[in-house]
C-alpha atoms as a PDB file:
ATOM      1  CA  MET A   1     -19.392  -6.820  50.192  1.00  0.00           C
ATOM      2  CA  THR A   2     -21.826  -7.685  47.362  1.00  0.00           C
ATOM      3  CA  PHE A   3     -24.125  -9.464  49.922  1.00  0.00           C
ATOM      4  CA  TYR A   4     -24.462  -6.212  51.942  1.00  0.00           C
ATOM      5  CA  LYS A   5     -24.935  -4.226  48.854  1.00  0.00           C
ATOM      6  CA  GLY A   6     -27.756  -6.591  47.763  1.00  0.00           C
ATOM      7  CA  VAL A   7     -29.329  -6.435  51.293  1.00  0.00           C
ATOM      8  CA  SER A   8     -29.264  -2.632  51.190  1.00  0.00           C
ATOM      9  CA  GLN A   9     -30.850  -2.636  47.753  1.00  0.00           C
ATOM     10  CA  VAL A  10     -33.654  -4.802  48.855  1.00  0.00           C
ATOM     11  CA  ILE A  11     -34.250  -2.581  52.012  1.00  0.00           C
ATOM     12  CA  GLY A  12     -34.374   0.519  49.686  1.00  0.00           C
ATOM     13  CA  LEU A  13     -36.879  -1.277  47.356  1.00  0.00           C
ATOM     14  CA  LEU A  14     -38.971  -2.237  50.466  1.00  0.00           C
ATOM     15  CA  PHE A  15     -38.890   1.378  51.727  1.00  0.00           C
ATOM     16  CA  PHE A  16     -39.975   2.693  48.365  1.00  0.00           C
ATOM     17  CA  GLY A  17     -42.534  -0.023  48.166  1.00  0.00           C
ATOM     18  CA  ALA A  18     -43.924   1.025  51.601  1.00  0.00           C
ATOM     19  CA  ILE A  19     -44.125   4.782  50.257  1.00  0.00           C
ATOM     20  CA  ALA A  20     -45.795   3.617  47.061  1.00  0.00           C
ATOM     21  CA  LEU A  21     -48.459   1.544  49.176  1.00  0.00           C
ATOM     22  CA  TRP A  22     -48.989   4.475  51.311  1.00  0.00           C
ATOM     23  CA  GLY A  23     -49.505   6.579  48.260  1.00  0.00           C
ATOM     24  CA  LEU A  24     -52.077   4.166  46.996  1.00  0.00           C
ATOM     25  CA  ILE A  25     -53.934   4.193  50.268  1.00  0.00           C
ATOM     26  CA  ALA A  26     -53.825   8.049  50.266  1.00  0.00           C
ATOM     27  CA  LEU A  27     -55.263   8.095  46.799  1.00  0.00           C
ATOM     28  CA  THR A  28     -58.040   5.726  47.753  1.00  0.00           C
ATOM     29  CA  LEU A  29     -58.879   7.546  50.947  1.00  0.00           C
ATOM     30  CA  GLY A  30     -58.674  10.908  49.189  1.00  0.00           C
ATOM     31  CA  THR A  31     -61.251   9.844  46.579  1.00  0.00           C
ATOM     32  CA  LYS A  32     -63.511   8.002  48.990  1.00  0.00           C
ATOM     33  CA  VAL A  33     -63.629  10.756  51.714  1.00  0.00           C
ATOM     34  CA  PRO A  34     -65.601  13.225  49.651  1.00  0.00           C
ATOM     35  CA  LYS A  35     -68.107  10.551  48.795  1.00  0.00           C
ATOM     36  CA  TRP A  36     -68.354   9.340  52.357  1.00  0.00           C
ATOM     37  CA  LEU A  37     -69.048  12.969  53.474  1.00  0.00           C
ATOM     38  CA  GLY A  38     -71.817  13.274  50.854  1.00  0.00           C
ATOM     39  CA  ILE A  39     -69.976  16.021  48.982  1.00  0.00           C
ATOM     40  CA  GLN A  40     -71.665  16.286  45.447  1.00  0.00           C
ATOM     41  CA  ARG A  41     -70.362  19.326  44.084  1.00  0.00           C
ATOM     42  CA  PHE A  42     -66.564  19.676  43.182  1.00  0.00           C
ATOM     43  CA  ARG A  43     -65.897  16.036  44.404  1.00  0.00           C
ATOM     44  CA  THR A  44     -62.771  15.712  42.052  1.00  0.00           C
ATOM     45  CA  LEU A  45     -61.422  19.014  43.471  1.00  0.00           C
ATOM     46  CA  TRP A  46     -61.920  17.901  47.065  1.00  0.00           C
ATOM     47  CA  ALA A  47     -60.044  14.655  46.151  1.00  0.00           C
ATOM     48  CA  VAL A  48     -57.304  16.574  44.747  1.00  0.00           C
ATOM     49  CA  VAL A  49     -56.970  18.609  48.010  1.00  0.00           C
ATOM     50  CA  ILE A  50     -57.432  15.585  50.342  1.00  0.00           C
ATOM     51  CA  VAL A  51     -55.007  13.112  48.682  1.00  0.00           C
ATOM     52  CA  PRO A  52     -51.814  15.234  49.508  1.00  0.00           C
ATOM     53  CA  ILE A  53     -53.187  15.841  53.045  1.00  0.00           C
ATOM     54  CA  VAL A  54     -53.599  12.217  53.776  1.00  0.00           C
ATOM     55  CA  PHE A  55     -50.156  11.417  52.107  1.00  0.00           C
ATOM     56  CA  PHE A  56     -48.207  13.849  54.198  1.00  0.00           C
ATOM     57  CA  ALA A  57     -50.163  13.552  57.406  1.00  0.00           C
ATOM     58  CA  PRO A  58     -47.785  10.961  59.201  1.00  0.00           C
ATOM     59  CA  VAL A  59     -44.790  13.501  58.748  1.00  0.00           C
ATOM     60  CA  ALA A  60     -46.717  16.760  59.044  1.00  0.00           C
ATOM     61  CA  ASP A  61     -45.125  17.509  62.357  1.00  0.00           C
ATOM     62  CA  GLU A  62     -41.804  17.112  60.976  1.00  0.00           C
ATOM     63  CA  ILE A  63     -42.628  19.352  58.082  1.00  0.00           C
ATOM     64  CA  ILE A  64     -43.882  21.983  60.413  1.00  0.00           C
ATOM     65  CA  ALA A  65     -40.868  21.706  62.691  1.00  0.00           C
ATOM     66  CA  TRP A  66     -38.349  21.901  59.799  1.00  0.00           C
ATOM     67  CA  PRO A  67     -37.769  25.630  59.621  1.00  0.00           C
ATOM     68  CA  GLU A  68     -37.346  25.863  63.569  1.00  0.00           C
ATOM     69  CA  MET A  69     -34.918  22.886  63.403  1.00  0.00           C
ATOM     70  CA  GLN A  70     -32.966  24.681  60.629  1.00  0.00           C
ATOM     71  CA  ALA A  71     -32.781  27.775  62.760  1.00  0.00           C
ATOM     72  CA  LEU A  72     -31.605  25.848  65.733  1.00  0.00           C
ATOM     73  CA  CYS A  73     -28.944  24.222  63.675  1.00  0.00           C
ATOM     74  CA  LYS A  74     -27.618  27.645  62.238  1.00  0.00           C
ATOM     75  CA  SER A  75     -27.281  28.816  65.911  1.00  0.00           C
ATOM     76  CA  ILE A  76     -24.736  26.026  66.771  1.00  0.00           C
ATOM     77  CA  GLU A  77     -22.473  26.139  63.749  1.00  0.00           C
ATOM     78  CA  THR A  78     -19.360  27.146  65.703  1.00  0.00           C
ATOM     79  CA  VAL A  79     -16.622  25.243  67.618  1.00  0.00           C
ATOM     80  CA  GLU A  80     -15.399  27.343  70.530  1.00  0.00           C
ATOM     81  CA  TYR A  81     -11.655  27.341  71.371  1.00  0.00           C
ATOM     82  CA  ASP A  82      -8.695  29.546  71.897  1.00  0.00           C
ATOM     83  CA  ARG A  83      -6.188  28.893  69.150  1.00  0.00           C
ATOM     84  CA  GLN A  84      -3.106  29.848  71.323  1.00  0.00           C
ATOM     85  CA  THR A  85      -4.369  27.562  74.191  1.00  0.00           C
ATOM     86  CA  ALA A  86      -5.585  24.728  72.108  1.00  0.00           C
ATOM     87  CA  THR A  87      -2.559  24.443  69.816  1.00  0.00           C
ATOM     88  CA  GLY A  88      -0.515  21.465  70.979  1.00  0.00           C
ATOM     89  CA  ALA A  89      -2.615  20.855  74.075  1.00  0.00           C
ATOM     90  CA  THR A  90      -2.754  17.563  75.820  1.00  0.00           C
ATOM     91  CA  VAL A  91      -6.473  16.398  75.814  1.00  0.00           C
ATOM     92  CA  SER A  92      -8.385  13.343  76.838  1.00  0.00           C
ATOM     93  CA  LYS A  93      -8.786  10.827  73.987  1.00  0.00           C
ATOM     94  CA  TYR A  94     -12.476  10.420  74.740  1.00  0.00           C
ATOM     95  CA  PRO A  95     -14.558  13.599  74.417  1.00  0.00           C
ATOM     96  CA  ARG A  96     -16.852  14.513  77.296  1.00  0.00           C
ATOM     97  CA  ILE A  97     -20.513  15.393  77.185  1.00  0.00           C
ATOM     98  CA  LEU A  98     -20.639  18.470  79.208  1.00  0.00           C
ATOM     99  CA  ALA A  99     -24.337  19.316  79.062  1.00  0.00           C
ATOM    100  CA  LYS A 100     -27.629  17.829  77.777  1.00  0.00           C
ATOM    101  CA  GLU A 101     -30.910  19.722  77.229  1.00  0.00           C
ATOM    102  CA  THR A 102     -34.130  18.594  75.660  1.00  0.00           C
ATOM    103  CA  LYS A 103     -36.013  21.119  73.705  1.00  0.00           C
ATOM    104  CA  THR A 104     -39.468  20.906  72.151  1.00  0.00           C
ATOM    105  CA  LEU A 105     -40.159  22.228  68.732  1.00  0.00           C
ATOM    106  CA  PHE A 106     -43.526  22.936  67.514  1.00  0.00           C
ATOM    107  CA  PRO A 107     -45.491  20.568  67.297  1.00  0.00           C
ATOM    108  CA  ASN A 108     -44.174  18.195  69.978  1.00  0.00           C
ATOM    109  CA  ILE A 109     -40.881  17.272  68.143  1.00  0.00           C
ATOM    110  CA  GLN A 110     -38.302  16.488  70.960  1.00  0.00           C
ATOM    111  CA  VAL A 111     -34.683  17.384  70.231  1.00  0.00           C
ATOM    112  CA  LEU A 112     -31.669  16.658  72.365  1.00  0.00           C
ATOM    113  CA  VAL A 113     -29.086  19.382  72.392  1.00  0.00           C
ATOM    114  CA  GLN A 114     -25.632  18.250  73.686  1.00  0.00           C
ATOM    115  CA  GLN A 115     -22.453  19.989  74.273  1.00  0.00           C
ATOM    116  CA  GLY A 116     -19.306  18.020  74.049  1.00  0.00           C
ATOM    117  CA  ALA A 117     -15.590  18.944  74.592  1.00  0.00           C
ATOM    118  CA  TYR A 118     -12.130  17.601  74.526  1.00  0.00           C
ATOM    119  CA  VAL A 119     -10.895  18.394  78.084  1.00  0.00           C
ATOM    120  CA  ALA A 120      -7.504  18.581  79.749  1.00  0.00           C
ATOM    121  CA  PRO A 121      -6.967  15.378  81.497  1.00  0.00           C
ATOM    122  CA  VAL A 122      -6.067  16.552  85.015  1.00  0.00           C
ATOM    123  CA  THR A 123      -7.938  19.962  85.336  1.00  0.00           C
ATOM    124  CA  GLU A 124     -11.078  18.663  83.333  1.00  0.00           C
ATOM    125  CA  THR A 125     -11.380  22.117  81.774  1.00  0.00           C
ATOM    126  CA  PRO A 126     -12.546  22.210  78.112  1.00  0.00           C
ATOM    127  CA  VAL A 127      -9.993  22.994  75.434  1.00  0.00           C
ATOM    128  CA  ILE A 128     -12.226  22.717  72.594  1.00  0.00           C
ATOM    129  CA  ARG A 129     -16.072  22.844  72.845  1.00  0.00           C
ATOM    130  CA  TRP A 130     -18.953  22.073  70.368  1.00  0.00           C
ATOM    131  CA  THR A 131     -22.563  21.394  70.109  1.00  0.00           C
ATOM    132  CA  TRP A 132     -24.659  18.934  68.139  1.00  0.00           C
ATOM    133  CA  ILE A 133     -28.531  18.362  67.975  1.00  0.00           C
ATOM    134  CA  GLU A 134     -30.265  14.977  67.704  1.00  0.00           C
ATOM    135  CA  PRO A 135     -34.073  15.096  66.857  1.00  0.00           C
ATOM    136  CA  HIS A 136     -36.281  12.243  68.112  1.00  0.00           C
ATOM    137  CA  ALA A 137     -39.178  10.734  66.350  1.00  0.00           C
ATOM    138  CA  GLY A 138     -42.478  12.600  65.944  1.00  0.00           C
ATOM    139  CA  PHE A 139     -45.880  11.349  65.336  1.00  0.00           C
ATOM    140  CA  LEU A 140     -44.759   8.547  62.886  1.00  0.00           C
ATOM    141  CA  ASN A 141     -42.330   6.823  65.180  1.00  0.00           C
ATOM    142  CA  PHE A 142     -40.399   5.200  62.240  1.00  0.00           C
ATOM    143  CA  PRO A 143     -38.323   2.244  63.536  1.00  0.00           C
ATOM    144  CA  ALA A 144     -34.631   3.009  63.863  1.00  0.00           C
ATOM    145  CA  GLY A 145     -33.329  -0.399  62.841  1.00  0.00           C
ATOM    146  CA  SER A 146     -32.790  -3.060  65.391  1.00  0.00           C
ATOM    147  CA  SER A 147     -32.085  -0.642  68.264  1.00  0.00           C
ATOM    148  CA  GLY A 148     -35.839  -0.785  69.245  1.00  0.00           C
ATOM    149  CA  GLY A 149     -35.985   2.933  69.056  1.00  0.00           C
ATOM    150  CA  SER A 150     -37.616   5.337  66.647  1.00  0.00           C
ATOM    151  CA  MET A 151     -36.313   8.048  64.405  1.00  0.00           C
ATOM    152  CA  PRO A 152     -37.499  10.992  62.420  1.00  0.00           C
ATOM    153  CA  LEU A 153     -37.696  10.661  58.640  1.00  0.00           C
ATOM    154  CA  LEU A 154     -37.133  14.298  57.597  1.00  0.00           C
ATOM    155  CA  LEU A 155     -35.177  15.799  60.485  1.00  0.00           C
ATOM    156  CA  SER A 156     -31.586  14.923  60.707  1.00  0.00           C
ATOM    157  CA  ASP A 157     -28.748  15.489  63.208  1.00  0.00           C
ATOM    158  CA  CYS A 158     -26.722  18.743  62.887  1.00  0.00           C
ATOM    159  CA  GLY A 159     -23.846  20.310  64.575  1.00  0.00           C
ATOM    160  CA  PHE A 160     -20.484  18.772  65.387  1.00  0.00           C
ATOM    161  CA  THR A 161     -20.015  15.183  66.783  1.00  0.00           C
ATOM    162  CA  PRO A 162     -16.705  13.635  67.803  1.00  0.00           C
ATOM    163  CA  ARG A 163     -16.712  11.542  64.543  1.00  0.00           C
ATOM    164  CA  ASN A 164     -17.872  14.505  62.364  1.00  0.00           C
ATOM    165  CA  ARG A 165     -15.356  15.302  59.410  1.00  0.00           C
ATOM    166  CA  ALA A 166     -16.059  18.949  59.912  1.00  0.00           C
ATOM    167  CA  LEU A 167     -14.923  18.900  63.435  1.00  0.00           C
ATOM    168  CA  SER A 168     -11.882  16.876  62.599  1.00  0.00           C
ATOM    169  CA  LYS A 169     -10.819  19.517  60.014  1.00  0.00           C
ATOM    170  CA  ILE A 170     -10.858  22.006  62.820  1.00  0.00           C
ATOM    171  CA  VAL A 171      -9.133  19.820  65.339  1.00  0.00           C
ATOM    172  CA  GLU A 172      -6.314  18.168  63.220  1.00  0.00           C
ATOM    173  CA  PRO A 173      -4.436  21.350  62.416  1.00  0.00           C
ATOM    174  CA  LEU A 174      -4.226  22.144  66.185  1.00  0.00           C
ATOM    175  CA  GLY A 175      -2.028  19.208  66.779  1.00  0.00           C
ATOM    176  CA  LEU A 176      -3.656  18.036  69.951  1.00  0.00           C
ATOM    177  CA  VAL A 177      -2.126  15.306  71.966  1.00  0.00           C
ATOM    178  CA  LYS A 178      -4.697  12.783  72.916  1.00  0.00           C
ATOM    179  CA  VAL A 179      -3.999  10.722  75.959  1.00  0.00           C
ATOM    180  CA  ASP A 180      -5.852   7.696  77.379  1.00  0.00           C
ATOM    181  CA  ASP A 181      -7.733   9.239  80.232  1.00  0.00           C
ATOM    182  CA  GLN A 182     -10.957   7.799  81.516  1.00  0.00           C
ATOM    183  CA  PRO A 183     -13.589  10.130  82.968  1.00  0.00           C
ATOM    184  CA  ILE A 184     -13.677  10.420  86.724  1.00  0.00           C
ATOM    185  CA  LYS A 185     -17.525  10.418  86.861  1.00  0.00           C
END
């Protein structure tokens, strides 16, 4: 356990070291750009304006998309079910993905909106339905570990996933009977 804790601390130090290095690069560029452009008056003021722009430029698209993502997350905060029908119902142990839709937030941030459900094993009708959103990387394309994919730095998943604690708080009181039923498709 201590080995993994040490590794995670080193990774955290490397991450903050990379941010500090980028801050140093942004500071250097911010002070050099007014000089390169031949600006004589208010050079320090221009540097004060340019440094934050350069520092936040790699995640500017995520910053711009943040309010739209928050509004999209608030629109899916419900779990749909009928308490009388769902109480004690027999459902498949493995939740199904009913629908997937890719939406584009301004400026060019792709989000995957998925609807999942616990379904009745024989009829395949949803008993409990929920939605979750997974944003994909923007301009920066920060690597997502060893998967080879990329992830956003500021935008995070929202909604309900099958392993979500908020979803289990809703589902557990219903006393669902989960059976091993493999999807037909």
